[in-house]
Amino acid sequence: MRSAAKARRSREGVERLWSARPSGADRREYLVSEILPEYGLADASSAEITSLLAASNLGSALVSLLSSRAGVNWSTGGHTASDVTLFGYAAGDKAEAFKGELAGNWDNTELPRIAERVLGVDMDEVTKLLRANGTSWVTKREFETSSSGHHTH
């Protein structure tokens, strides 16, 4: 997670920065000095940099590299902005509270805080503990990106 925590710009932000690079700028140097630090990847290896420069879509390649380092896997490569059905399970005394909290339509950014309330945990504290203990416990899943931008496992 350390790379993700260092990111100061989104994919779209670094893509705009890349598109606005001076016409005579050395691509590799610009990537290393301007793009990678902004996306939390200042420590990218020479091989990773070469791979990024060879990618047909720099934004997608950056996301894949950052996600890999953070131990994050995605089921799709894009947003549809359509509603998605969410199924959940809770047992015992938490079941009714969980069902009551999740009824209706929610923005996906609200879901972690709902789970936090129902489970009685402090997500910020848990995140600090996980980051303090490193990411070696996160397993790496290999996947390919199809031509549609969706990942296959």
N, C-alpha and C. Protein backbone atom coordinates (compact mmCIF):
# COMPACT_ATOMS: atom_id res chain seq x y z
N MET A 1 0.81 -1.20 0.00
CA MET A 1 0.00 0.00 0.00
C MET A 1 0.85 1.26 0.00
N ARG A 2 2.11 1.14 0.26
CA ARG A 2 2.93 2.34 0.36
C ARG A 2 2.92 3.16 -0.92
N SER A 3 2.98 2.51 -2.08
CA SER A 3 2.95 3.26 -3.34
C SER A 3 1.65 4.03 -3.49
N ALA A 4 0.53 3.38 -3.19
CA ALA A 4 -0.76 4.04 -3.33
C ALA A 4 -0.87 5.23 -2.39
N ALA A 5 -0.32 5.12 -1.22
CA ALA A 5 -0.38 6.22 -0.26
C ALA A 5 0.47 7.41 -0.71
N LYS A 6 1.47 7.17 -1.55
CA LYS A 6 2.35 8.24 -2.02
C LYS A 6 1.79 8.98 -3.22
N ALA A 7 0.78 8.43 -3.87
CA ALA A 7 0.23 9.05 -5.08
C ALA A 7 -0.40 10.40 -4.76
N ARG A 8 -0.05 11.39 -5.58
CA ARG A 8 -0.59 12.74 -5.41
C ARG A 8 -1.56 13.11 -6.52
N ARG A 9 -1.60 12.31 -7.57
CA ARG A 9 -2.51 12.56 -8.69
C ARG A 9 -3.19 11.27 -9.10
N SER A 10 -4.35 11.43 -9.69
CA SER A 10 -5.09 10.29 -10.22
C SER A 10 -4.51 9.88 -11.57
N ARG A 11 -5.02 8.78 -12.08
CA ARG A 11 -4.63 8.36 -13.43
C ARG A 11 -4.89 9.48 -14.43
N GLU A 12 -6.07 10.07 -14.34
CA GLU A 12 -6.43 11.14 -15.27
C GLU A 12 -5.48 12.33 -15.12
N GLY A 13 -5.09 12.62 -13.89
CA GLY A 13 -4.17 13.73 -13.63
C GLY A 13 -2.81 13.52 -14.26
N VAL A 14 -2.27 12.30 -14.14
CA VAL A 14 -0.96 12.05 -14.74
C VAL A 14 -1.06 11.92 -16.26
N GLU A 15 -2.20 11.46 -16.75
CA GLU A 15 -2.39 11.41 -18.21
C GLU A 15 -2.40 12.82 -18.79
N ARG A 16 -3.06 13.76 -18.10
CA ARG A 16 -3.05 15.15 -18.56
C ARG A 16 -1.63 15.72 -18.51
N LEU A 17 -0.92 15.42 -17.44
CA LEU A 17 0.46 15.87 -17.31
C LEU A 17 1.33 15.30 -18.43
N TRP A 18 1.15 14.03 -18.75
CA TRP A 18 1.90 13.38 -19.82
C TRP A 18 1.58 14.02 -21.17
N SER A 19 0.31 14.28 -21.42
CA SER A 19 -0.11 14.91 -22.68
C SER A 19 0.43 16.33 -22.83
N ALA A 20 0.65 16.99 -21.70
CA ALA A 20 1.11 18.39 -21.73
C ALA A 20 2.63 18.52 -21.70
N ARG A 21 3.36 17.39 -21.77
CA ARG A 21 4.82 17.47 -21.71
C ARG A 21 5.34 18.28 -22.90
N PRO A 22 6.42 18.99 -22.71
CA PRO A 22 7.01 19.79 -23.80
C PRO A 22 7.36 18.90 -25.00
N SER A 23 7.16 19.42 -26.19
CA SER A 23 7.35 18.63 -27.41
C SER A 23 8.75 18.06 -27.56
N GLY A 24 9.76 18.74 -27.08
CA GLY A 24 11.13 18.25 -27.20
C GLY A 24 11.61 17.44 -26.02
N ALA A 25 10.74 17.21 -25.05
CA ALA A 25 11.16 16.52 -23.82
C ALA A 25 11.49 15.06 -24.09
N ASP A 26 12.51 14.57 -23.42
CA ASP A 26 12.87 13.16 -23.48
C ASP A 26 11.78 12.39 -22.73
N ARG A 27 11.14 11.44 -23.40
CA ARG A 27 10.01 10.71 -22.82
C ARG A 27 10.39 9.99 -21.53
N ARG A 28 11.51 9.30 -21.54
CA ARG A 28 11.93 8.54 -20.35
C ARG A 28 12.21 9.48 -19.18
N GLU A 29 12.96 10.54 -19.45
CA GLU A 29 13.30 11.49 -18.40
C GLU A 29 12.05 12.15 -17.83
N TYR A 30 11.11 12.52 -18.70
CA TYR A 30 9.87 13.16 -18.25
C TYR A 30 9.05 12.18 -17.41
N LEU A 31 8.98 10.94 -17.85
CA LEU A 31 8.25 9.92 -17.09
C LEU A 31 8.85 9.77 -15.70
N VAL A 32 10.17 9.67 -15.63
CA VAL A 32 10.86 9.46 -14.35
C VAL A 32 10.78 10.68 -13.44
N SER A 33 10.94 11.87 -14.00
CA SER A 33 11.01 13.06 -13.15
C SER A 33 9.66 13.70 -12.84
N GLU A 34 8.70 13.55 -13.74
CA GLU A 34 7.42 14.24 -13.56
C GLU A 34 6.24 13.32 -13.26
N ILE A 35 6.13 12.24 -13.99
CA ILE A 35 4.95 11.38 -13.89
C ILE A 35 5.02 10.41 -12.70
N LEU A 36 6.09 9.63 -12.65
CA LEU A 36 6.18 8.58 -11.63
C LEU A 36 6.12 9.11 -10.19
N PRO A 37 6.80 10.20 -9.85
CA PRO A 37 6.68 10.72 -8.48
C PRO A 37 5.24 11.15 -8.15
N GLU A 38 4.55 11.71 -9.13
CA GLU A 38 3.17 12.16 -8.90
C GLU A 38 2.21 10.99 -8.69
N TYR A 39 2.55 9.84 -9.26
CA TYR A 39 1.68 8.67 -9.16
C TYR A 39 2.14 7.68 -8.09
N GLY A 40 3.12 8.08 -7.28
CA GLY A 40 3.58 7.22 -6.19
C GLY A 40 4.53 6.12 -6.62
N LEU A 41 5.12 6.26 -7.81
CA LEU A 41 5.98 5.21 -8.34
C LEU A 41 7.40 5.71 -8.62
N ALA A 42 7.87 6.64 -7.81
CA ALA A 42 9.20 7.22 -8.02
C ALA A 42 10.31 6.18 -7.98
N ASP A 43 10.06 5.05 -7.33
CA ASP A 43 11.09 4.01 -7.21
C ASP A 43 10.96 2.92 -8.27
N ALA A 44 10.28 3.21 -9.37
CA ALA A 44 10.11 2.22 -10.43
C ALA A 44 11.47 1.76 -10.96
N SER A 45 11.56 0.48 -11.23
CA SER A 45 12.82 -0.08 -11.76
C SER A 45 12.99 0.31 -13.22
N SER A 46 14.18 0.13 -13.72
CA SER A 46 14.47 0.43 -15.13
C SER A 46 13.59 -0.42 -16.04
N ALA A 47 13.40 -1.68 -15.68
CA ALA A 47 12.54 -2.58 -16.48
C ALA A 47 11.09 -2.10 -16.47
N GLU A 48 10.61 -1.65 -15.31
CA GLU A 48 9.24 -1.15 -15.22
C GLU A 48 9.09 0.11 -16.07
N ILE A 49 10.07 0.98 -16.04
CA ILE A 49 10.03 2.22 -16.83
C ILE A 49 10.00 1.89 -18.31
N THR A 50 10.84 0.96 -18.73
CA THR A 50 10.86 0.54 -20.13
C THR A 50 9.51 -0.03 -20.54
N SER A 51 8.92 -0.84 -19.67
CA SER A 51 7.60 -1.42 -19.94
C SER A 51 6.53 -0.34 -20.05
N LEU A 52 6.57 0.64 -19.16
CA LEU A 52 5.60 1.74 -19.21
C LEU A 52 5.73 2.51 -20.51
N LEU A 53 6.94 2.78 -20.93
CA LEU A 53 7.17 3.54 -22.17
C LEU A 53 6.72 2.76 -23.41
N ALA A 54 6.77 1.44 -23.33
CA ALA A 54 6.37 0.60 -24.46
C ALA A 54 4.87 0.34 -24.50
N ALA A 55 4.17 0.66 -23.42
CA ALA A 55 2.73 0.38 -23.34
C ALA A 55 1.94 1.21 -24.35
N SER A 56 0.90 0.61 -24.89
CA SER A 56 0.05 1.34 -25.83
C SER A 56 -0.82 2.36 -25.11
N ASN A 57 -1.06 2.14 -23.81
CA ASN A 57 -1.86 3.06 -23.02
C ASN A 57 -1.13 3.29 -21.69
N LEU A 58 -0.45 4.41 -21.57
CA LEU A 58 0.35 4.68 -20.37
C LEU A 58 -0.51 4.68 -19.11
N GLY A 59 -1.69 5.28 -19.18
CA GLY A 59 -2.57 5.33 -18.01
C GLY A 59 -2.90 3.95 -17.48
N SER A 60 -3.29 3.04 -18.37
CA SER A 60 -3.61 1.66 -17.97
C SER A 60 -2.39 0.96 -17.39
N ALA A 61 -1.23 1.18 -18.00
CA ALA A 61 -0.01 0.54 -17.52
C ALA A 61 0.36 1.06 -16.13
N LEU A 62 0.19 2.36 -15.90
CA LEU A 62 0.47 2.92 -14.58
C LEU A 62 -0.47 2.34 -13.53
N VAL A 63 -1.76 2.25 -13.86
CA VAL A 63 -2.73 1.68 -12.93
C VAL A 63 -2.37 0.24 -12.59
N SER A 64 -2.00 -0.54 -13.60
CA SER A 64 -1.64 -1.94 -13.36
C SER A 64 -0.43 -2.05 -12.44
N LEU A 65 0.57 -1.21 -12.66
CA LEU A 65 1.78 -1.25 -11.83
C LEU A 65 1.47 -0.83 -10.39
N LEU A 66 0.74 0.26 -10.23
CA LEU A 66 0.40 0.72 -8.88
C LEU A 66 -0.47 -0.30 -8.16
N SER A 67 -1.46 -0.85 -8.86
CA SER A 67 -2.34 -1.85 -8.26
C SER A 67 -1.55 -3.08 -7.83
N SER A 68 -0.63 -3.51 -8.66
CA SER A 68 0.20 -4.67 -8.34
C SER A 68 1.01 -4.43 -7.07
N ARG A 69 1.60 -3.27 -6.98
CA ARG A 69 2.40 -2.95 -5.79
C ARG A 69 1.54 -2.83 -4.54
N ALA A 70 0.31 -2.37 -4.71
CA ALA A 70 -0.58 -2.19 -3.56
C ALA A 70 -1.30 -3.48 -3.19
N GLY A 71 -1.17 -4.52 -4.02
CA GLY A 71 -1.86 -5.78 -3.74
C GLY A 71 -3.34 -5.70 -4.03
N VAL A 72 -3.72 -4.85 -4.99
CA VAL A 72 -5.12 -4.65 -5.34
C VAL A 72 -5.40 -5.30 -6.69
N ASN A 73 -6.51 -6.02 -6.77
CA ASN A 73 -6.95 -6.62 -8.03
C ASN A 73 -8.31 -6.06 -8.40
N TRP A 74 -8.53 -5.83 -9.67
CA TRP A 74 -9.78 -5.25 -10.15
C TRP A 74 -10.52 -6.25 -11.01
N SER A 75 -11.83 -6.27 -10.91
CA SER A 75 -12.62 -7.17 -11.75
C SER A 75 -12.87 -6.58 -13.13
N THR A 76 -12.82 -5.26 -13.25
CA THR A 76 -12.96 -4.62 -14.56
C THR A 76 -11.96 -3.48 -14.65
N GLY A 77 -11.75 -3.01 -15.85
CA GLY A 77 -10.81 -1.93 -16.06
C GLY A 77 -11.46 -0.59 -16.25
N GLY A 78 -12.76 -0.50 -16.10
CA GLY A 78 -13.41 0.78 -16.33
C GLY A 78 -14.68 0.94 -15.51
N HIS A 79 -15.13 2.16 -15.45
CA HIS A 79 -16.37 2.47 -14.74
C HIS A 79 -17.52 2.50 -15.73
N THR A 80 -18.66 1.97 -15.32
CA THR A 80 -19.84 2.03 -16.16
C THR A 80 -20.82 3.07 -15.65
N ALA A 81 -20.67 3.50 -14.42
CA ALA A 81 -21.56 4.46 -13.77
C ALA A 81 -22.97 3.91 -13.62
N SER A 82 -23.13 2.61 -13.74
CA SER A 82 -24.45 2.02 -13.55
C SER A 82 -24.54 1.43 -12.14
N ASP A 83 -25.78 1.31 -11.65
CA ASP A 83 -25.98 0.73 -10.33
C ASP A 83 -25.55 -0.73 -10.34
N VAL A 84 -25.01 -1.18 -9.23
CA VAL A 84 -24.56 -2.55 -9.08
C VAL A 84 -25.22 -3.11 -7.83
N THR A 85 -25.73 -4.33 -7.94
CA THR A 85 -26.34 -4.98 -6.80
C THR A 85 -25.25 -5.47 -5.86
N LEU A 86 -25.42 -5.17 -4.59
CA LEU A 86 -24.45 -5.59 -3.58
C LEU A 86 -25.13 -6.60 -2.66
N PHE A 87 -24.48 -7.72 -2.48
CA PHE A 87 -24.97 -8.74 -1.58
C PHE A 87 -24.04 -8.79 -0.38
N GLY A 88 -24.60 -8.96 0.80
CA GLY A 88 -23.79 -9.04 1.99
C GLY A 88 -24.35 -10.08 2.94
N TYR A 89 -23.56 -10.46 3.91
CA TYR A 89 -23.99 -11.44 4.89
C TYR A 89 -23.47 -11.04 6.26
N ALA A 90 -24.31 -11.16 7.23
CA ALA A 90 -23.91 -10.97 8.62
C ALA A 90 -24.70 -11.96 9.46
N ALA A 91 -24.11 -12.43 10.53
CA ALA A 91 -24.76 -13.41 11.38
C ALA A 91 -25.03 -12.82 12.76
N GLY A 92 -25.90 -13.49 13.49
CA GLY A 92 -26.17 -13.10 14.87
C GLY A 92 -26.80 -11.73 14.99
N ASP A 93 -26.42 -11.01 16.05
CA ASP A 93 -27.03 -9.71 16.32
C ASP A 93 -26.66 -8.66 15.28
N LYS A 94 -25.64 -8.90 14.50
CA LYS A 94 -25.23 -7.93 13.47
C LYS A 94 -26.09 -8.03 12.21
N ALA A 95 -26.79 -9.15 12.02
CA ALA A 95 -27.54 -9.37 10.79
C ALA A 95 -28.59 -8.30 10.56
N GLU A 96 -29.42 -8.02 11.54
CA GLU A 96 -30.48 -7.02 11.36
C GLU A 96 -29.91 -5.62 11.19
N ALA A 97 -28.88 -5.31 11.96
CA ALA A 97 -28.25 -3.99 11.83
C ALA A 97 -27.65 -3.81 10.44
N PHE A 98 -27.00 -4.84 9.95
CA PHE A 98 -26.37 -4.78 8.63
C PHE A 98 -27.42 -4.62 7.54
N LYS A 99 -28.49 -5.39 7.65
CA LYS A 99 -29.57 -5.31 6.66
C LYS A 99 -30.21 -3.93 6.68
N GLY A 100 -30.46 -3.41 7.87
CA GLY A 100 -31.06 -2.08 7.99
C GLY A 100 -30.16 -0.98 7.45
N GLU A 101 -28.88 -1.09 7.69
CA GLU A 101 -27.93 -0.08 7.23
C GLU A 101 -27.77 -0.09 5.71
N LEU A 102 -27.83 -1.27 5.10
CA LEU A 102 -27.56 -1.36 3.67
C LEU A 102 -28.78 -1.26 2.77
N ALA A 103 -29.97 -1.21 3.35
CA ALA A 103 -31.17 -1.12 2.51
C ALA A 103 -31.14 0.16 1.69
N GLY A 104 -31.55 0.08 0.46
CA GLY A 104 -31.63 1.27 -0.39
C GLY A 104 -30.46 1.40 -1.35
N ASN A 105 -30.28 2.60 -1.85
CA ASN A 105 -29.25 2.88 -2.84
C ASN A 105 -28.15 3.71 -2.19
N TRP A 106 -26.90 3.28 -2.34
CA TRP A 106 -25.78 3.95 -1.70
C TRP A 106 -24.68 4.26 -2.70
N ASP A 107 -23.98 5.33 -2.47
CA ASP A 107 -22.77 5.63 -3.22
C ASP A 107 -21.70 4.67 -2.71
N ASN A 108 -20.91 4.10 -3.62
CA ASN A 108 -19.93 3.11 -3.19
C ASN A 108 -18.90 3.64 -2.19
N THR A 109 -18.69 4.93 -2.16
CA THR A 109 -17.72 5.47 -1.21
C THR A 109 -18.26 5.48 0.22
N GLU A 110 -19.57 5.30 0.38
CA GLU A 110 -20.17 5.29 1.71
C GLU A 110 -20.14 3.90 2.35
N LEU A 111 -19.98 2.86 1.55
CA LEU A 111 -20.08 1.49 2.06
C LEU A 111 -19.05 1.14 3.14
N PRO A 112 -17.80 1.54 3.02
CA PRO A 112 -16.86 1.19 4.09
C PRO A 112 -17.26 1.78 5.45
N ARG A 113 -17.80 2.98 5.45
CA ARG A 113 -18.19 3.60 6.73
C ARG A 113 -19.43 2.92 7.31
N ILE A 114 -20.30 2.42 6.44
CA ILE A 114 -21.46 1.67 6.93
C ILE A 114 -20.97 0.39 7.59
N ALA A 115 -20.08 -0.33 6.93
CA ALA A 115 -19.53 -1.56 7.50
C ALA A 115 -18.80 -1.26 8.81
N GLU A 116 -18.11 -0.14 8.85
CA GLU A 116 -17.39 0.28 10.06
C GLU A 116 -18.37 0.45 11.23
N ARG A 117 -19.48 1.12 11.00
CA ARG A 117 -20.47 1.34 12.07
C ARG A 117 -21.08 0.02 12.53
N VAL A 118 -21.49 -0.80 11.57
CA VAL A 118 -22.16 -2.06 11.91
C VAL A 118 -21.22 -3.00 12.65
N LEU A 119 -19.98 -3.08 12.21
CA LEU A 119 -19.02 -4.00 12.82
C LEU A 119 -18.35 -3.44 14.06
N GLY A 120 -18.51 -2.14 14.29
CA GLY A 120 -17.91 -1.53 15.47
C GLY A 120 -16.39 -1.47 15.41
N VAL A 121 -15.86 -1.22 14.21
CA VAL A 121 -14.41 -1.09 14.05
C VAL A 121 -14.06 0.31 13.59
N ASP A 122 -12.81 0.67 13.74
CA ASP A 122 -12.31 1.96 13.29
C ASP A 122 -11.43 1.70 12.07
N MET A 123 -11.99 1.93 10.86
CA MET A 123 -11.27 1.62 9.62
C MET A 123 -9.95 2.38 9.52
N ASP A 124 -9.93 3.61 9.98
CA ASP A 124 -8.69 4.38 9.91
C ASP A 124 -7.60 3.73 10.76
N GLU A 125 -7.98 3.24 11.94
CA GLU A 125 -7.01 2.58 12.82
C GLU A 125 -6.56 1.25 12.21
N VAL A 126 -7.50 0.50 11.65
CA VAL A 126 -7.16 -0.78 11.01
C VAL A 126 -6.20 -0.53 9.84
N THR A 127 -6.46 0.50 9.05
CA THR A 127 -5.60 0.84 7.92
C THR A 127 -4.19 1.16 8.40
N LYS A 128 -4.08 1.93 9.47
CA LYS A 128 -2.76 2.26 10.03
C LYS A 128 -2.02 1.00 10.47
N LEU A 129 -2.75 0.09 11.13
CA LEU A 129 -2.13 -1.16 11.58
C LEU A 129 -1.66 -2.00 10.41
N LEU A 130 -2.48 -2.11 9.38
CA LEU A 130 -2.10 -2.89 8.20
C LEU A 130 -0.88 -2.30 7.51
N ARG A 131 -0.87 -1.00 7.36
CA ARG A 131 0.27 -0.35 6.71
C ARG A 131 1.54 -0.46 7.55
N ALA A 132 1.39 -0.40 8.86
CA ALA A 132 2.56 -0.50 9.74
C ALA A 132 3.21 -1.88 9.66
N ASN A 133 2.41 -2.88 9.35
CA ASN A 133 2.92 -4.25 9.28
C ASN A 133 3.37 -4.65 7.89
N GLY A 134 3.43 -3.71 6.96
CA GLY A 134 3.91 -4.00 5.62
C GLY A 134 2.87 -4.67 4.75
N THR A 135 3.29 -5.05 3.56
CA THR A 135 2.36 -5.67 2.61
C THR A 135 2.82 -7.05 2.18
N SER A 136 3.80 -7.62 2.85
CA SER A 136 4.30 -8.94 2.45
C SER A 136 3.23 -10.03 2.57
N TRP A 137 2.22 -9.80 3.38
CA TRP A 137 1.15 -10.77 3.57
C TRP A 137 0.14 -10.74 2.42
N VAL A 138 0.20 -9.73 1.56
CA VAL A 138 -0.73 -9.63 0.44
C VAL A 138 -0.24 -10.53 -0.68
N THR A 139 -1.11 -11.45 -1.12
CA THR A 139 -0.71 -12.33 -2.20
C THR A 139 -0.85 -11.63 -3.54
N LYS A 140 -0.10 -12.08 -4.51
CA LYS A 140 -0.12 -11.49 -5.84
C LYS A 140 -0.89 -12.41 -6.77
N ARG A 141 -1.87 -11.84 -7.47
CA ARG A 141 -2.65 -12.60 -8.44
C ARG A 141 -2.22 -12.17 -9.83
N GLU A 142 -1.97 -13.14 -10.68
CA GLU A 142 -1.61 -12.84 -12.06
C GLU A 142 -2.89 -12.67 -12.87
N PHE A 143 -2.91 -11.69 -13.73
CA PHE A 143 -4.06 -11.49 -14.60
C PHE A 143 -3.61 -10.84 -15.89
N GLU A 144 -4.48 -10.95 -16.88
CA GLU A 144 -4.23 -10.33 -18.17
C GLU A 144 -5.32 -9.31 -18.42
N THR A 145 -5.01 -8.29 -19.19
CA THR A 145 -6.01 -7.31 -19.57
C THR A 145 -6.46 -7.63 -20.99
N SER A 146 -7.76 -7.81 -21.16
CA SER A 146 -8.28 -8.08 -22.50
C SER A 146 -8.32 -6.79 -23.30
N SER A 147 -8.62 -6.90 -24.56
CA SER A 147 -8.66 -5.71 -25.42
C SER A 147 -9.76 -4.74 -25.00
N SER A 148 -10.76 -5.22 -24.25
CA SER A 148 -11.84 -4.34 -23.80
C SER A 148 -11.47 -3.61 -22.52
N GLY A 149 -10.29 -3.89 -21.97
CA GLY A 149 -9.87 -3.23 -20.74
C GLY A 149 -10.28 -3.98 -19.50
N HIS A 150 -10.95 -5.13 -19.65
CA HIS A 150 -11.35 -5.92 -18.50
C HIS A 150 -10.26 -6.93 -18.18
N HIS A 151 -10.11 -7.20 -16.89
CA HIS A 151 -9.09 -8.14 -16.46
C HIS A 151 -9.66 -9.54 -16.44
N THR A 152 -8.84 -10.49 -16.81
CA THR A 152 -9.23 -11.89 -16.71
C THR A 152 -8.29 -12.56 -15.73
N HIS A 153 -8.81 -13.45 -14.92
CA HIS A 153 -7.99 -14.09 -13.89
C HIS A 153 -7.75 -15.53 -14.24
